[in-house]
C-alpha atoms as a PDB file:
ATOM      1  CA  VAL A   1     132.809 116.387 116.105  1.00  0.00           C
ATOM      2  CA  LEU A   2     130.876 116.511 119.525  1.00  0.00           C
ATOM      3  CA  PRO A   3     133.478 113.294 121.705  1.00  0.00           C
ATOM      4  CA  ASP A   4     130.488 114.803 124.377  1.00  0.00           C
ATOM      5  CA  LEU A   5     126.992 115.447 123.754  1.00  0.00           C
ATOM      6  CA  GLY A   6     127.221 117.409 127.301  1.00  0.00           C
ATOM      7  CA  ALA A   7     129.853 119.543 126.336  1.00  0.00           C
ATOM      8  CA  PRO A   8     129.257 123.503 125.093  1.00  0.00           C
ATOM      9  CA  LEU A   9     128.511 123.581 121.038  1.00  0.00           C
ATOM     10  CA  PRO A  10     130.348 126.239 119.489  1.00  0.00           C
ATOM     11  CA  PRO A  11     129.333 128.289 117.384  1.00  0.00           C
ATOM     12  CA  ALA A  12     127.186 127.341 113.638  1.00  0.00           C
ATOM     13  CA  ASP A  13     125.408 128.619 110.880  1.00  0.00           C
ATOM     14  CA  VAL A  14     124.524 125.593 111.107  1.00  0.00           C
ATOM     15  CA  TYR A  15     124.648 121.663 113.136  1.00  0.00           C
ATOM     16  CA  LEU A  16     124.500 118.634 111.123  1.00  0.00           C
ATOM     17  CA  LEU A  17     123.459 115.677 112.489  1.00  0.00           C
ATOM     18  CA  ALA A  18     125.626 112.549 110.865  1.00  0.00           C
ATOM     19  CA  VAL A  19     124.388 109.430 112.924  1.00  0.00           C
ATOM     20  CA  PRO A  20     121.996 106.945 112.674  1.00  0.00           C
ATOM     21  CA  ASP A  21     119.015 107.575 112.078  1.00  0.00           C
ATOM     22  CA  ALA A  22     117.940 106.414 115.430  1.00  0.00           C
ATOM     23  CA  ALA A  23     120.165 107.846 117.113  1.00  0.00           C
ATOM     24  CA  VAL A  24     118.826 111.103 115.665  1.00  0.00           C
ATOM     25  CA  ALA A  25     116.265 111.937 118.748  1.00  0.00           C
ATOM     26  CA  PRO A  26     118.180 110.962 121.527  1.00  0.00           C
ATOM     27  CA  VAL A  27     121.491 113.278 120.888  1.00  0.00           C
ATOM     28  CA  LEU A  28     118.325 115.689 120.299  1.00  0.00           C
ATOM     29  CA  ALA A  29     116.940 115.306 122.777  1.00  0.00           C
ATOM     30  CA  ALA A  30     120.602 114.940 124.981  1.00  0.00           C
ATOM     31  CA  VAL A  31     122.632 118.675 123.565  1.00  0.00           C
ATOM     32  CA  ALA A  32     122.249 122.024 125.367  1.00  0.00           C
ATOM     33  CA  TRP A  33     121.109 124.110 121.683  1.00  0.00           C
ATOM     34  CA  PRO A  34     121.867 127.057 121.284  1.00  0.00           C
ATOM     35  CA  ALA A  35     118.235 128.965 121.097  1.00  0.00           C
ATOM     36  CA  GLY A  36     117.104 129.336 117.365  1.00  0.00           C
ATOM     37  CA  ALA A  37     120.020 126.548 116.338  1.00  0.00           C
ATOM     38  CA  LEU A  38     119.750 125.617 112.731  1.00  0.00           C
ATOM     39  CA  VAL A  39     119.967 121.338 112.878  1.00  0.00           C
ATOM     40  CA  ALA A  40     119.802 119.392 110.506  1.00  0.00           C
ATOM     41  CA  HIS A  41     119.737 115.496 109.868  1.00  0.00           C
ATOM     42  CA  LEU A  42     120.983 113.914 106.968  1.00  0.00           C
ATOM     43  CA  ALA A  43     118.387 111.032 106.464  1.00  0.00           C
ATOM     44  CA  GLY A  44     116.436 109.064 103.786  1.00  0.00           C
ATOM     45  CA  ALA A  45     113.788 108.883 105.909  1.00  0.00           C
ATOM     46  CA  LEU A  46     112.708 110.405 108.497  1.00  0.00           C
ATOM     47  CA  PRO A  47     110.488 113.106 108.617  1.00  0.00           C
ATOM     48  CA  LEU A  48     110.825 117.277 109.129  1.00  0.00           C
ATOM     49  CA  SER A  49     108.265 116.713 112.318  1.00  0.00           C
ATOM     50  CA  VAL A  50     111.311 114.872 113.882  1.00  0.00           C
ATOM     51  CA  PHE A  51     112.225 118.624 115.099  1.00  0.00           C
ATOM     52  CA  GLU A  52     108.886 119.506 117.255  1.00  0.00           C
ATOM     53  CA  ALA A  53     110.025 117.921 120.433  1.00  0.00           C
ATOM     54  CA  GLN A  54     112.964 120.174 120.340  1.00  0.00           C
ATOM     55  CA  PRO A  55     111.027 124.169 119.780  1.00  0.00           C
ATOM     56  CA  GLU A  56     114.722 126.046 120.369  1.00  0.00           C
ATOM     57  CA  VAL A  57     115.757 124.779 117.453  1.00  0.00           C
ATOM     58  CA  ARG A  58     115.151 125.177 113.842  1.00  0.00           C
ATOM     59  CA  GLY A  59     115.195 122.271 112.304  1.00  0.00           C
ATOM     60  CA  GLY A  60     116.337 121.033 108.888  1.00  0.00           C
ATOM     61  CA  VAL A  61     116.918 117.917 106.029  1.00  0.00           C
ATOM     62  CA  LEU A  62     120.316 117.656 104.679  1.00  0.00           C
ATOM     63  CA  TYR A  63     119.618 114.073 102.576  1.00  0.00           C
ATOM     64  CA  PRO A  64     123.147 113.426  99.761  1.00  0.00           C
ATOM     65  CA  LEU A  65     121.440 110.930  97.912  1.00  0.00           C
ATOM     66  CA  GLN A  66     124.955 107.876  97.408  1.00  0.00           C
ATOM     67  CA  THR A  67     125.939 105.296  99.421  1.00  0.00           C
ATOM     68  CA  PHE A  68     128.875 105.636 101.510  1.00  0.00           C
ATOM     69  CA  SER A  69     131.401 103.500 102.704  1.00  0.00           C
ATOM     70  CA  ALA A  70     135.285 103.924 103.762  1.00  0.00           C
ATOM     71  CA  GLY A  71     138.015 104.346 101.600  1.00  0.00           C
ATOM     72  CA  ARG A  72     135.986 105.339  98.785  1.00  0.00           C
ATOM     73  CA  ALA A  73     136.185 109.229  97.524  1.00  0.00           C
ATOM     74  CA  VAL A  74     132.920 110.772  96.740  1.00  0.00           C
ATOM     75  CA  ALA A  75     132.175 113.088  94.018  1.00  0.00           C
ATOM     76  CA  TRP A  76     130.219 115.653  95.532  1.00  0.00           C
ATOM     77  CA  ALA A  77     129.313 117.867  92.225  1.00  0.00           C
ATOM     78  CA  ALA A  78     127.824 114.870  91.323  1.00  0.00           C
ATOM     79  CA  VAL A  79     125.768 113.710  94.585  1.00  0.00           C
ATOM     80  CA  PRO A  80     121.809 114.783  94.577  1.00  0.00           C
ATOM     81  CA  LEU A  81     121.294 116.960  97.823  1.00  0.00           C
ATOM     82  CA  CYS A  82     118.240 116.540  99.181  1.00  0.00           C
ATOM     83  CA  VAL A  83     116.712 120.132 101.872  1.00  0.00           C
ATOM     84  CA  GLU A  84     113.977 120.837 103.750  1.00  0.00           C
ATOM     85  CA  ALA A  85     113.572 123.020 106.576  1.00  0.00           C
ATOM     86  CA  ALA A  86     111.248 124.738 109.202  1.00  0.00           C
ATOM     87  CA  ASP A  87     111.891 127.988 107.727  1.00  0.00           C
ATOM     88  CA  ALA A  88     112.402 129.939 104.663  1.00  0.00           C
ATOM     89  CA  GLY A  89     115.645 131.847 106.629  1.00  0.00           C
ATOM     90  CA  ALA A  90     117.134 128.374 107.554  1.00  0.00           C
ATOM     91  CA  LEU A  91     115.771 126.258 103.776  1.00  0.00           C
ATOM     92  CA  ASN A  92     118.329 128.730 102.462  1.00  0.00           C
ATOM     93  CA  MET A  93     121.338 128.742 104.364  1.00  0.00           C
ATOM     94  CA  LEU A  94     120.657 125.282 103.510  1.00  0.00           C
ATOM     95  CA  LEU A  95     120.287 125.370  99.822  1.00  0.00           C
ATOM     96  CA  ALA A  96     123.968 127.494  99.644  1.00  0.00           C
ATOM     97  CA  LEU A  97     125.178 124.867 101.764  1.00  0.00           C
ATOM     98  CA  ALA A  98     124.397 122.219  99.751  1.00  0.00           C
ATOM     99  CA  ARG A  99     124.711 124.083  96.551  1.00  0.00           C
ATOM    100  CA  SER A 100     128.204 124.955  97.609  1.00  0.00           C
ATOM    101  CA  LEU A 101     129.456 120.681  97.174  1.00  0.00           C
ATOM    102  CA  SER A 102     127.187 119.895  94.338  1.00  0.00           C
ATOM    103  CA  ALA A 103     125.749 120.682  91.059  1.00  0.00           C
ATOM    104  CA  ASP A 104     121.947 119.010  91.769  1.00  0.00           C
ATOM    105  CA  VAL A 105     120.385 120.101  94.844  1.00  0.00           C
ATOM    106  CA  ARG A 106     116.782 120.120  95.094  1.00  0.00           C
ATOM    107  CA  PRO A 107     114.317 121.469  97.947  1.00  0.00           C
ATOM    108  CA  LEU A 108     112.255 118.048  98.777  1.00  0.00           C
ATOM    109  CA  ALA A 109     109.699 117.710 101.726  1.00  0.00           C
ATOM    110  CA  SER A 110     109.650 114.662 103.713  1.00  0.00           C
ATOM    111  CA  ALA A 111     106.762 111.843 102.349  1.00  0.00           C
ATOM    112  CA  ASP A 112     108.703 112.441  98.709  1.00  0.00           C
ATOM    113  CA  ARG A 113     112.100 111.914 100.692  1.00  0.00           C
ATOM    114  CA  LEU A 114     110.916 108.840 101.832  1.00  0.00           C
ATOM    115  CA  ARG A 115     109.991 107.317  98.306  1.00  0.00           C
ATOM    116  CA  LEU A 116     113.388 108.769  96.704  1.00  0.00           C
ATOM    117  CA  HIS A 117     114.916 106.681  99.787  1.00  0.00           C
ATOM    118  CA  VAL A 118     112.965 103.314  99.165  1.00  0.00           C
ATOM    119  CA  ALA A 119     113.812 104.041  95.615  1.00  0.00           C
ATOM    120  CA  ALA A 120     116.457 104.226  96.664  1.00  0.00           C
ATOM    121  CA  VAL A 121     117.163 100.755  98.745  1.00  0.00           C
ATOM    122  CA  PHE A 122     115.811  99.523  95.956  1.00  0.00           C
ATOM    123  CA  ALA A 123     118.335  99.930  93.089  1.00  0.00           C
ATOM    124  CA  ASN A 124     121.251 100.533  95.904  1.00  0.00           C
ATOM    125  CA  ASN A 125     121.379  98.262  98.838  1.00  0.00           C
ATOM    126  CA  PHE A 126     118.874  95.443  96.957  1.00  0.00           C
ATOM    127  CA  THR A 127     120.944  95.666  93.538  1.00  0.00           C
ATOM    128  CA  ASN A 128     124.461  95.310  95.743  1.00  0.00           C
ATOM    129  CA  HIS A 129     122.940  91.860  97.730  1.00  0.00           C
ATOM    130  CA  LEU A 130     122.221  90.314  94.077  1.00  0.00           C
ATOM    131  CA  LEU A 131     125.373  90.793  93.386  1.00  0.00           C
ATOM    132  CA  GLY A 132     126.820  89.585  96.106  1.00  0.00           C
ATOM    133  CA  VAL A 133     124.065  86.523  95.722  1.00  0.00           C
ATOM    134  CA  ALA A 134     125.879  85.839  92.136  1.00  0.00           C
ATOM    135  CA  ASP A 135     129.477  86.656  93.619  1.00  0.00           C
ATOM    136  CA  ALA A 136     129.188  84.012  96.432  1.00  0.00           C
ATOM    137  CA  LEU A 137     127.017  81.547  93.377  1.00  0.00           C
ATOM    138  CA  LEU A 138     130.341  82.003  90.867  1.00  0.00           C
ATOM    139  CA  ALA A 139     132.590  81.209  93.902  1.00  0.00           C
ATOM    140  CA  GLU A 140     130.782  77.925  94.336  1.00  0.00           C
ATOM    141  CA  ALA A 141     131.483  76.927  91.063  1.00  0.00           C
ATOM    142  CA  GLY A 142     135.538  78.670  90.459  1.00  0.00           C
ATOM    143  CA  LEU A 143     133.812  81.443  88.602  1.00  0.00           C
ATOM    144  CA  PRO A 144     135.642  84.789  88.484  1.00  0.00           C
ATOM    145  CA  ALA A 145     132.970  87.540  89.618  1.00  0.00           C
ATOM    146  CA  ALA A 146     134.869  89.526  86.593  1.00  0.00           C
ATOM    147  CA  LEU A 147     132.773  87.165  84.560  1.00  0.00           C
ATOM    148  CA  LEU A 148     129.543  89.321  85.466  1.00  0.00           C
ATOM    149  CA  ALA A 149     130.963  92.925  85.009  1.00  0.00           C
ATOM    150  CA  PRO A 150     130.442  93.449  81.554  1.00  0.00           C
ATOM    151  CA  LEU A 151     126.595  92.500  81.757  1.00  0.00           C
ATOM    152  CA  VAL A 152     126.244  94.276  84.945  1.00  0.00           C
ATOM    153  CA  ARG A 153     128.261  97.422  83.714  1.00  0.00           C
ATOM    154  CA  GLU A 154     125.280  97.579  80.031  1.00  0.00           C
ATOM    155  CA  THR A 155     122.395  97.029  82.876  1.00  0.00           C
ATOM    156  CA  VAL A 156     122.392  99.879  83.772  1.00  0.00           C
ATOM    157  CA  ASP A 157     124.135 101.259  82.056  1.00  0.00           C
ATOM    158  CA  LYS A 158     120.668 100.342  78.825  1.00  0.00           C
ATOM    159  CA  ALA A 159     117.797 101.309  82.215  1.00  0.00           C
ATOM    160  CA  LEU A 160     119.455 104.743  82.867  1.00  0.00           C
ATOM    161  CA  ALA A 161     119.721 105.347  78.930  1.00  0.00           C
ATOM    162  CA  THR A 162     116.398 104.257  77.964  1.00  0.00           C
ATOM    163  CA  GLY A 163     114.685 106.095  81.379  1.00  0.00           C
ATOM    164  CA  SER A 164     112.285 102.956  81.851  1.00  0.00           C
ATOM    165  CA  PRO A 165     114.389  99.803  83.115  1.00  0.00           C
ATOM    166  CA  PHE A 166     110.734  97.823  82.734  1.00  0.00           C
ATOM    167  CA  ALA A 167     110.602  97.773  78.996  1.00  0.00           C
ATOM    168  CA  VAL A 168     114.401  96.846  78.329  1.00  0.00           C
ATOM    169  CA  GLN A 169     113.808  94.057  80.533  1.00  0.00           C
ATOM    170  CA  THR A 170     115.129  90.106  79.417  1.00  0.00           C
ATOM    171  CA  GLY A 171     115.401  86.782  80.948  1.00  0.00           C
ATOM    172  CA  PRO A 172     113.694  84.348  81.366  1.00  0.00           C
ATOM    173  CA  ALA A 173     110.984  85.304  83.291  1.00  0.00           C
ATOM    174  CA  ALA A 174     110.697  87.821  80.305  1.00  0.00           C
ATOM    175  CA  ARG A 175     110.573  85.583  78.333  1.00  0.00           C
ATOM    176  CA  ARG A 176     108.640  83.067  80.660  1.00  0.00           C
ATOM    177  CA  ASP A 177     110.565  80.817  79.553  1.00  0.00           C
ATOM    178  CA  ALA A 178     109.448  77.585  82.047  1.00  0.00           C
ATOM    179  CA  PRO A 179     112.501  75.078  81.377  1.00  0.00           C
ATOM    180  CA  THR A 180     115.368  77.964  81.815  1.00  0.00           C
ATOM    181  CA  LEU A 181     113.509  78.944  85.012  1.00  0.00           C
ATOM    182  CA  GLY A 182     113.024  74.748  86.654  1.00  0.00           C
ATOM    183  CA  ALA A 183     116.992  74.524  85.749  1.00  0.00           C
ATOM    184  CA  HIS A 184     117.591  77.342  87.399  1.00  0.00           C
ATOM    185  CA  GLN A 185     115.558  76.616  90.292  1.00  0.00           C
ATOM    186  CA  ALA A 186     116.944  72.848  91.019  1.00  0.00           C
ATOM    187  CA  ALA A 187     120.592  74.397  90.803  1.00  0.00           C
ATOM    188  CA  LEU A 188     119.261  76.384  93.998  1.00  0.00           C
ATOM    189  CA  ALA A 189     118.307  73.590  95.653  1.00  0.00           C
ATOM    190  CA  ALA A 190     120.716  74.049  97.761  1.00  0.00           C
ATOM    191  CA  HIS A 191     120.301  77.700  98.961  1.00  0.00           C
ATOM    192  CA  PRO A 192     116.630  78.100  99.689  1.00  0.00           C
ATOM    193  CA  ALA A 193     117.451  81.559 100.732  1.00  0.00           C
ATOM    194  CA  TRP A 194     118.058  82.552  97.613  1.00  0.00           C
ATOM    195  CA  LEU A 195     115.397  80.557  95.831  1.00  0.00           C
ATOM    196  CA  GLY A 196     112.807  82.393  97.427  1.00  0.00           C
ATOM    197  CA  ILE A 197     114.438  85.733  96.423  1.00  0.00           C
ATOM    198  CA  TYR A 198     114.118  84.233  92.273  1.00  0.00           C
ATOM    199  CA  ASN A 199     110.586  82.873  92.546  1.00  0.00           C
ATOM    200  CA  GLN A 200     110.244  86.457  94.422  1.00  0.00           C
ATOM    201  CA  LEU A 201     112.312  88.376  91.914  1.00  0.00           C
ATOM    202  CA  THR A 202     110.463  85.652  88.446  1.00  0.00           C
ATOM    203  CA  ALA A 203     106.703  86.607  89.813  1.00  0.00           C
ATOM    204  CA  SER A 204     107.229  90.337  89.943  1.00  0.00           C
ATOM    205  CA  ILE A 205     109.045  90.406  86.348  1.00  0.00           C
ATOM    206  CA  GLN A 206     105.950  88.487  85.015  1.00  0.00           C
ATOM    207  CA  ALA A 207     103.779  90.373  86.824  1.00  0.00           C
ATOM    208  CA  GLN A 208     105.267  93.660  85.832  1.00  0.00           C
ATOM    209  CA  LEU A 209     105.150  92.777  82.383  1.00  0.00           C
ATOM    210  CA  PRO A 210     102.571  91.157  79.055  1.00  0.00           C
ATOM    211  CA  PRO A 211     102.559  87.608  78.045  1.00  0.00           C
ATOM    212  CA  VAL A 212     104.662  87.051  75.227  1.00  0.00           C
ATOM    213  CA  PRO A 213     103.100  84.426  72.666  1.00  0.00           C
ATOM    214  CA  GLY A 214     105.012  81.646  71.021  1.00  0.00           C
ATOM    215  CA  LEU A 215     107.284  81.128  73.753  1.00  0.00           C
ATOM    216  CA  ALA A 216     108.515  78.385  75.645  1.00  0.00           C
ATOM    217  CA  GLY A 217     106.303  78.511  78.796  1.00  0.00           C
ATOM    218  CA  ALA A 218     103.994  81.260  77.875  1.00  0.00           C
END
């Protein structure tokens, strides 16, 4: 940890940039790196090319595919670690570091890591936001969020077990159940932003699945 970016760096095999994505380039430019230092950022969406402006360092990436929150322990052995580097020596060093932490380590180029990061936002950040919406709707009705816990766990377990979440999609959108969809939309009238999300997700589900003949709204 460097409290002062202008302070001399202690010797190290690897320097890790654990900073927000937007701070990586400014920190790279502000620090007086030892010539040939191996410096790796931890970002999912930043390409390896961010290091091109600092030719004195050997650039690398050590991206942990996990969500982190203060006060919650991380089971590092199960966290996928994605590694990329500018040269073979740097790659081998980062792979060794990653394998000392996790049993799931893989080299991954910038373009593929970006695609992985987008997928992670859908699977994690958007899912968490939707859980927050569900929690707020239950709170309005005086109902506990714990009511949803078995449903949420079964949804995730089933999607992961089948390996094809689209194939196990359920609910009124998948059934094209127009009366139920209409009732839900009316119930969300006081929340136009959430109604917009509901309608967009309904359209996305229906676009992904073929029509089901013989069901309401088909």
